[in-house]
Amino acid sequence: MARRALEVAASKQGSPYEYGAAGPSRFDCSGLTLYAFRAAGRLLPRTATAQYSRTHHVAAASRAPGDLVFFHHGSSIYHVGIYAGHDRIWHASRAGSRVRLERIWTAHVWYGHVE
């Protein structure tokens, strides 16, 4: 199921970012993860913070492709993407950008496995 969600997210490469959008052709960060996991048969809440609360938290050493990557500042989560392996994520980052594969740029991340 996580691999399928990863494939769905990758298939949306180039789709434009739009705040509050959850597909099928425009996304914000949690909209992309919501859309990808729904297509893979799992329901997630709408926001990154709510998605984090619904995952099984895993250490970086235990992360696997298809896990969610939550970016945080202190205890506040501000971004989410889908782990693609090799320190990269699929994500929709901000206005003016498009869904893309990108290297994780900070150590301030938590990982969550969708069950």
N, C-alpha and C. Protein backbone atom coordinates (compact mmCIF):
# COMPACT_ATOMS: atom_id res chain seq x y z
N MET A 1 0.81 -1.18 0.00
CA MET A 1 0.00 0.00 0.00
C MET A 1 0.87 1.26 0.00
N ALA A 2 1.92 1.32 0.82
CA ALA A 2 2.79 2.50 0.85
C ALA A 2 3.51 2.67 -0.49
N ARG A 3 3.91 1.56 -1.09
CA ARG A 3 4.57 1.64 -2.40
C ARG A 3 3.61 2.19 -3.45
N ARG A 4 2.37 1.77 -3.38
CA ARG A 4 1.36 2.28 -4.33
C ARG A 4 1.17 3.79 -4.14
N ALA A 5 1.10 4.25 -2.89
CA ALA A 5 0.97 5.68 -2.63
C ALA A 5 2.17 6.43 -3.19
N LEU A 6 3.35 5.88 -3.06
CA LEU A 6 4.56 6.49 -3.60
C LEU A 6 4.47 6.59 -5.12
N GLU A 7 4.00 5.54 -5.77
CA GLU A 7 3.84 5.56 -7.23
C GLU A 7 2.84 6.62 -7.66
N VAL A 8 1.74 6.76 -6.92
CA VAL A 8 0.73 7.76 -7.25
C VAL A 8 1.32 9.16 -7.11
N ALA A 9 2.03 9.41 -6.02
CA ALA A 9 2.65 10.72 -5.83
C ALA A 9 3.62 11.02 -6.97
N ALA A 10 4.44 10.05 -7.35
CA ALA A 10 5.41 10.24 -8.44
C ALA A 10 4.69 10.53 -9.76
N SER A 11 3.53 9.92 -9.94
CA SER A 11 2.78 10.13 -11.20
C SER A 11 2.26 11.56 -11.32
N LYS A 12 2.26 12.29 -10.23
CA LYS A 12 1.77 13.67 -10.22
C LYS A 12 2.90 14.68 -10.43
N GLN A 13 4.09 14.19 -10.77
CA GLN A 13 5.23 15.08 -11.03
C GLN A 13 4.82 16.19 -12.00
N GLY A 14 5.17 17.42 -11.63
CA GLY A 14 4.87 18.56 -12.48
C GLY A 14 3.53 19.23 -12.23
N SER A 15 2.68 18.59 -11.42
CA SER A 15 1.39 19.21 -11.08
C SER A 15 1.64 20.47 -10.26
N PRO A 16 0.92 21.54 -10.52
CA PRO A 16 1.17 22.79 -9.80
C PRO A 16 0.68 22.76 -8.36
N TYR A 17 1.39 23.52 -7.53
CA TYR A 17 1.00 23.73 -6.14
C TYR A 17 -0.20 24.69 -6.11
N GLU A 18 -1.15 24.38 -5.25
CA GLU A 18 -2.24 25.30 -4.95
C GLU A 18 -2.65 25.07 -3.50
N TYR A 19 -2.59 26.11 -2.71
CA TYR A 19 -2.95 26.00 -1.30
C TYR A 19 -4.36 25.43 -1.16
N GLY A 20 -4.49 24.40 -0.32
CA GLY A 20 -5.78 23.78 -0.07
C GLY A 20 -6.21 22.73 -1.08
N ALA A 21 -5.42 22.52 -2.14
CA ALA A 21 -5.82 21.58 -3.19
C ALA A 21 -5.39 20.16 -2.85
N ALA A 22 -6.25 19.21 -3.19
CA ALA A 22 -5.98 17.80 -2.94
C ALA A 22 -6.22 16.95 -4.18
N GLY A 23 -5.87 17.50 -5.35
CA GLY A 23 -5.93 16.74 -6.58
C GLY A 23 -7.24 16.91 -7.32
N PRO A 24 -7.34 16.31 -8.45
CA PRO A 24 -6.35 15.40 -9.04
C PRO A 24 -5.23 16.08 -9.84
N SER A 25 -5.33 17.39 -10.06
CA SER A 25 -4.30 18.02 -10.89
C SER A 25 -3.52 19.13 -10.19
N ARG A 26 -3.95 19.55 -9.00
CA ARG A 26 -3.25 20.57 -8.20
C ARG A 26 -3.21 20.10 -6.76
N PHE A 27 -2.12 20.47 -6.06
CA PHE A 27 -1.93 19.95 -4.70
C PHE A 27 -1.23 20.96 -3.81
N ASP A 28 -1.52 20.87 -2.50
CA ASP A 28 -0.60 21.40 -1.51
C ASP A 28 0.06 20.18 -0.87
N CYS A 29 0.92 20.38 0.12
CA CYS A 29 1.70 19.24 0.62
C CYS A 29 0.84 18.12 1.17
N SER A 30 -0.06 18.44 2.10
CA SER A 30 -0.88 17.39 2.68
C SER A 30 -1.97 16.92 1.72
N GLY A 31 -2.32 17.75 0.76
CA GLY A 31 -3.26 17.32 -0.28
C GLY A 31 -2.66 16.23 -1.15
N LEU A 32 -1.36 16.33 -1.44
CA LEU A 32 -0.69 15.29 -2.22
C LEU A 32 -0.63 13.98 -1.45
N THR A 33 -0.28 14.02 -0.18
CA THR A 33 -0.21 12.78 0.60
C THR A 33 -1.60 12.18 0.78
N LEU A 34 -2.59 13.03 1.03
CA LEU A 34 -3.97 12.56 1.15
C LEU A 34 -4.41 11.86 -0.13
N TYR A 35 -4.18 12.50 -1.27
CA TYR A 35 -4.57 11.96 -2.57
C TYR A 35 -3.87 10.63 -2.85
N ALA A 36 -2.55 10.59 -2.61
CA ALA A 36 -1.77 9.38 -2.92
C ALA A 36 -2.22 8.19 -2.07
N PHE A 37 -2.43 8.42 -0.79
CA PHE A 37 -2.84 7.30 0.07
C PHE A 37 -4.29 6.91 -0.16
N ARG A 38 -5.14 7.85 -0.50
CA ARG A 38 -6.53 7.49 -0.84
C ARG A 38 -6.53 6.57 -2.05
N ALA A 39 -5.71 6.90 -3.06
CA ALA A 39 -5.62 6.05 -4.26
C ALA A 39 -5.07 4.67 -3.93
N ALA A 40 -4.29 4.59 -2.85
CA ALA A 40 -3.72 3.31 -2.43
C ALA A 40 -4.61 2.58 -1.43
N GLY A 41 -5.78 3.16 -1.12
CA GLY A 41 -6.74 2.48 -0.26
C GLY A 41 -6.69 2.84 1.21
N ARG A 42 -6.05 3.94 1.56
CA ARG A 42 -5.98 4.37 2.96
C ARG A 42 -6.48 5.81 3.08
N LEU A 43 -7.26 6.07 4.09
CA LEU A 43 -7.76 7.42 4.33
C LEU A 43 -6.88 8.12 5.35
N LEU A 44 -6.48 9.33 5.03
CA LEU A 44 -5.70 10.16 5.94
C LEU A 44 -6.49 11.43 6.23
N PRO A 45 -6.22 12.05 7.37
CA PRO A 45 -6.82 13.37 7.62
C PRO A 45 -6.25 14.40 6.64
N ARG A 46 -6.82 15.59 6.63
CA ARG A 46 -6.46 16.60 5.63
C ARG A 46 -5.14 17.33 5.90
N THR A 47 -4.80 17.63 7.15
CA THR A 47 -3.63 18.46 7.41
C THR A 47 -2.41 17.62 7.79
N ALA A 48 -1.23 18.22 7.61
CA ALA A 48 0.03 17.53 7.94
C ALA A 48 0.06 17.15 9.42
N THR A 49 -0.36 18.05 10.29
CA THR A 49 -0.34 17.76 11.73
C THR A 49 -1.27 16.60 12.06
N ALA A 50 -2.46 16.60 11.49
CA ALA A 50 -3.41 15.51 11.74
C ALA A 50 -2.89 14.20 11.14
N GLN A 51 -2.23 14.28 9.98
CA GLN A 51 -1.65 13.07 9.38
C GLN A 51 -0.57 12.49 10.29
N TYR A 52 0.25 13.36 10.87
CA TYR A 52 1.30 12.88 11.78
C TYR A 52 0.68 12.12 12.95
N SER A 53 -0.42 12.63 13.48
CA SER A 53 -1.05 11.98 14.63
C SER A 53 -1.66 10.63 14.28
N ARG A 54 -1.88 10.36 12.99
CA ARG A 54 -2.48 9.10 12.54
C ARG A 54 -1.47 8.09 12.03
N THR A 55 -0.16 8.40 12.14
CA THR A 55 0.85 7.47 11.66
C THR A 55 1.56 6.79 12.82
N HIS A 56 2.19 5.68 12.51
CA HIS A 56 3.08 5.00 13.46
C HIS A 56 4.44 5.65 13.30
N HIS A 57 4.92 6.32 14.32
CA HIS A 57 6.17 7.06 14.23
C HIS A 57 7.36 6.11 14.21
N VAL A 58 8.28 6.34 13.29
CA VAL A 58 9.46 5.48 13.14
C VAL A 58 10.73 6.33 13.13
N ALA A 59 11.82 5.73 13.54
CA ALA A 59 13.12 6.40 13.54
C ALA A 59 13.64 6.51 12.11
N ALA A 60 14.53 7.45 11.89
CA ALA A 60 15.11 7.62 10.56
C ALA A 60 15.75 6.33 10.07
N ALA A 61 16.37 5.58 10.95
CA ALA A 61 17.03 4.33 10.56
C ALA A 61 16.03 3.27 10.11
N SER A 62 14.76 3.44 10.49
CA SER A 62 13.72 2.46 10.14
C SER A 62 12.79 2.93 9.04
N ARG A 63 13.02 4.11 8.50
CA ARG A 63 12.14 4.64 7.46
C ARG A 63 12.21 3.78 6.21
N ALA A 64 11.13 3.81 5.45
CA ALA A 64 11.05 3.01 4.23
C ALA A 64 10.32 3.82 3.17
N PRO A 65 10.60 3.55 1.89
CA PRO A 65 9.86 4.24 0.83
C PRO A 65 8.35 4.10 1.05
N GLY A 66 7.67 5.23 0.91
CA GLY A 66 6.24 5.27 1.15
C GLY A 66 5.86 5.82 2.51
N ASP A 67 6.83 5.92 3.43
CA ASP A 67 6.55 6.55 4.72
C ASP A 67 6.38 8.05 4.50
N LEU A 68 5.70 8.68 5.43
CA LEU A 68 5.54 10.13 5.37
C LEU A 68 6.70 10.80 6.10
N VAL A 69 7.12 11.94 5.58
CA VAL A 69 8.20 12.73 6.17
C VAL A 69 7.59 14.06 6.61
N PHE A 70 7.67 14.33 7.89
CA PHE A 70 7.08 15.53 8.48
C PHE A 70 8.17 16.51 8.86
N PHE A 71 8.11 17.70 8.33
CA PHE A 71 9.07 18.75 8.62
C PHE A 71 8.52 19.58 9.77
N HIS A 72 9.37 19.86 10.75
CA HIS A 72 8.89 20.56 11.93
C HIS A 72 9.86 21.63 12.40
N HIS A 73 9.31 22.57 13.11
CA HIS A 73 10.07 23.58 13.82
C HIS A 73 9.61 23.47 15.26
N GLY A 74 10.48 22.96 16.14
CA GLY A 74 10.04 22.64 17.49
C GLY A 74 8.99 21.55 17.43
N SER A 75 7.84 21.82 18.04
CA SER A 75 6.77 20.82 18.02
C SER A 75 5.74 21.09 16.92
N SER A 76 5.95 22.12 16.12
CA SER A 76 4.99 22.48 15.06
C SER A 76 5.38 21.89 13.71
N ILE A 77 4.49 21.12 13.14
CA ILE A 77 4.71 20.53 11.82
C ILE A 77 4.25 21.54 10.77
N TYR A 78 5.10 21.77 9.77
CA TYR A 78 4.75 22.76 8.74
C TYR A 78 4.76 22.20 7.32
N HIS A 79 5.16 20.93 7.13
CA HIS A 79 5.24 20.38 5.78
C HIS A 79 5.28 18.87 5.85
N VAL A 80 4.79 18.21 4.79
CA VAL A 80 4.82 16.75 4.71
C VAL A 80 5.11 16.34 3.27
N GLY A 81 5.81 15.23 3.12
CA GLY A 81 6.07 14.63 1.82
C GLY A 81 6.10 13.12 1.96
N ILE A 82 6.29 12.43 0.86
CA ILE A 82 6.34 10.96 0.86
C ILE A 82 7.77 10.53 0.58
N TYR A 83 8.33 9.72 1.49
CA TYR A 83 9.71 9.28 1.36
C TYR A 83 9.88 8.38 0.15
N ALA A 84 10.87 8.72 -0.69
CA ALA A 84 11.12 7.96 -1.92
C ALA A 84 12.38 7.11 -1.84
N GLY A 85 13.09 7.15 -0.72
CA GLY A 85 14.36 6.45 -0.58
C GLY A 85 15.52 7.39 -0.91
N HIS A 86 16.69 7.00 -0.47
CA HIS A 86 17.92 7.75 -0.77
C HIS A 86 17.82 9.23 -0.36
N ASP A 87 17.20 9.47 0.83
CA ASP A 87 17.06 10.83 1.38
C ASP A 87 16.28 11.79 0.47
N ARG A 88 15.33 11.27 -0.29
CA ARG A 88 14.53 12.10 -1.18
C ARG A 88 13.04 11.93 -0.88
N ILE A 89 12.28 12.98 -1.21
CA ILE A 89 10.82 12.93 -1.03
C ILE A 89 10.13 13.46 -2.27
N TRP A 90 8.91 12.98 -2.47
CA TRP A 90 7.97 13.59 -3.41
C TRP A 90 7.14 14.55 -2.60
N HIS A 91 7.00 15.78 -3.09
CA HIS A 91 6.21 16.76 -2.33
C HIS A 91 5.76 17.91 -3.21
N ALA A 92 4.80 18.66 -2.66
CA ALA A 92 4.32 19.92 -3.23
C ALA A 92 4.68 20.97 -2.21
N SER A 93 5.66 21.81 -2.51
CA SER A 93 6.25 22.61 -1.44
C SER A 93 5.65 23.98 -1.19
N ARG A 94 5.37 24.76 -2.23
CA ARG A 94 4.92 26.13 -1.98
C ARG A 94 4.35 26.74 -3.26
N ALA A 95 3.71 27.89 -3.11
CA ALA A 95 3.15 28.60 -4.25
C ALA A 95 4.23 28.84 -5.30
N GLY A 96 3.88 28.62 -6.55
CA GLY A 96 4.81 28.80 -7.65
C GLY A 96 5.63 27.58 -7.98
N SER A 97 5.53 26.53 -7.16
CA SER A 97 6.29 25.31 -7.43
C SER A 97 5.38 24.23 -7.98
N ARG A 98 5.98 23.11 -8.29
CA ARG A 98 5.25 21.95 -8.82
C ARG A 98 5.65 20.71 -8.02
N VAL A 99 4.83 19.68 -8.08
CA VAL A 99 5.16 18.42 -7.42
C VAL A 99 6.48 17.93 -8.00
N ARG A 100 7.40 17.58 -7.09
CA ARG A 100 8.72 17.17 -7.55
C ARG A 100 9.40 16.26 -6.53
N LEU A 101 10.44 15.60 -7.02
CA LEU A 101 11.31 14.77 -6.19
C LEU A 101 12.46 15.65 -5.75
N GLU A 102 12.73 15.68 -4.45
CA GLU A 102 13.77 16.56 -3.93
C GLU A 102 14.46 15.91 -2.73
N ARG A 103 15.72 16.23 -2.57
CA ARG A 103 16.49 15.74 -1.43
C ARG A 103 15.98 16.42 -0.16
N ILE A 104 15.90 15.67 0.94
CA ILE A 104 15.51 16.24 2.23
C ILE A 104 16.59 17.22 2.65
N TRP A 105 16.22 18.45 2.93
CA TRP A 105 17.16 19.55 3.12
C TRP A 105 17.46 19.89 4.57
N THR A 106 16.88 19.17 5.51
CA THR A 106 17.07 19.48 6.93
C THR A 106 17.04 18.21 7.75
N ALA A 107 17.61 18.30 8.94
CA ALA A 107 17.55 17.16 9.88
C ALA A 107 16.30 17.25 10.75
N HIS A 108 15.55 18.34 10.63
CA HIS A 108 14.36 18.55 11.46
C HIS A 108 13.14 17.89 10.83
N VAL A 109 13.18 16.55 10.78
CA VAL A 109 12.07 15.78 10.23
C VAL A 109 11.73 14.63 11.15
N TRP A 110 10.48 14.24 11.10
CA TRP A 110 9.99 13.04 11.76
C TRP A 110 9.39 12.16 10.66
N TYR A 111 9.40 10.86 10.91
CA TYR A 111 8.89 9.90 9.94
C TYR A 111 7.68 9.18 10.51
N GLY A 112 6.70 8.91 9.65
CA GLY A 112 5.52 8.19 10.06
C GLY A 112 5.12 7.14 9.03
N HIS A 113 4.79 5.97 9.51
CA HIS A 113 4.34 4.87 8.67
C HIS A 113 2.82 4.80 8.70
N VAL A 114 2.20 4.79 7.55
CA VAL A 114 0.75 4.69 7.45
C VAL A 114 0.38 3.21 7.46
N GLU A 115 -0.48 2.85 8.41
CA GLU A 115 -0.87 1.44 8.54
C GLU A 115 -2.28 1.21 8.06
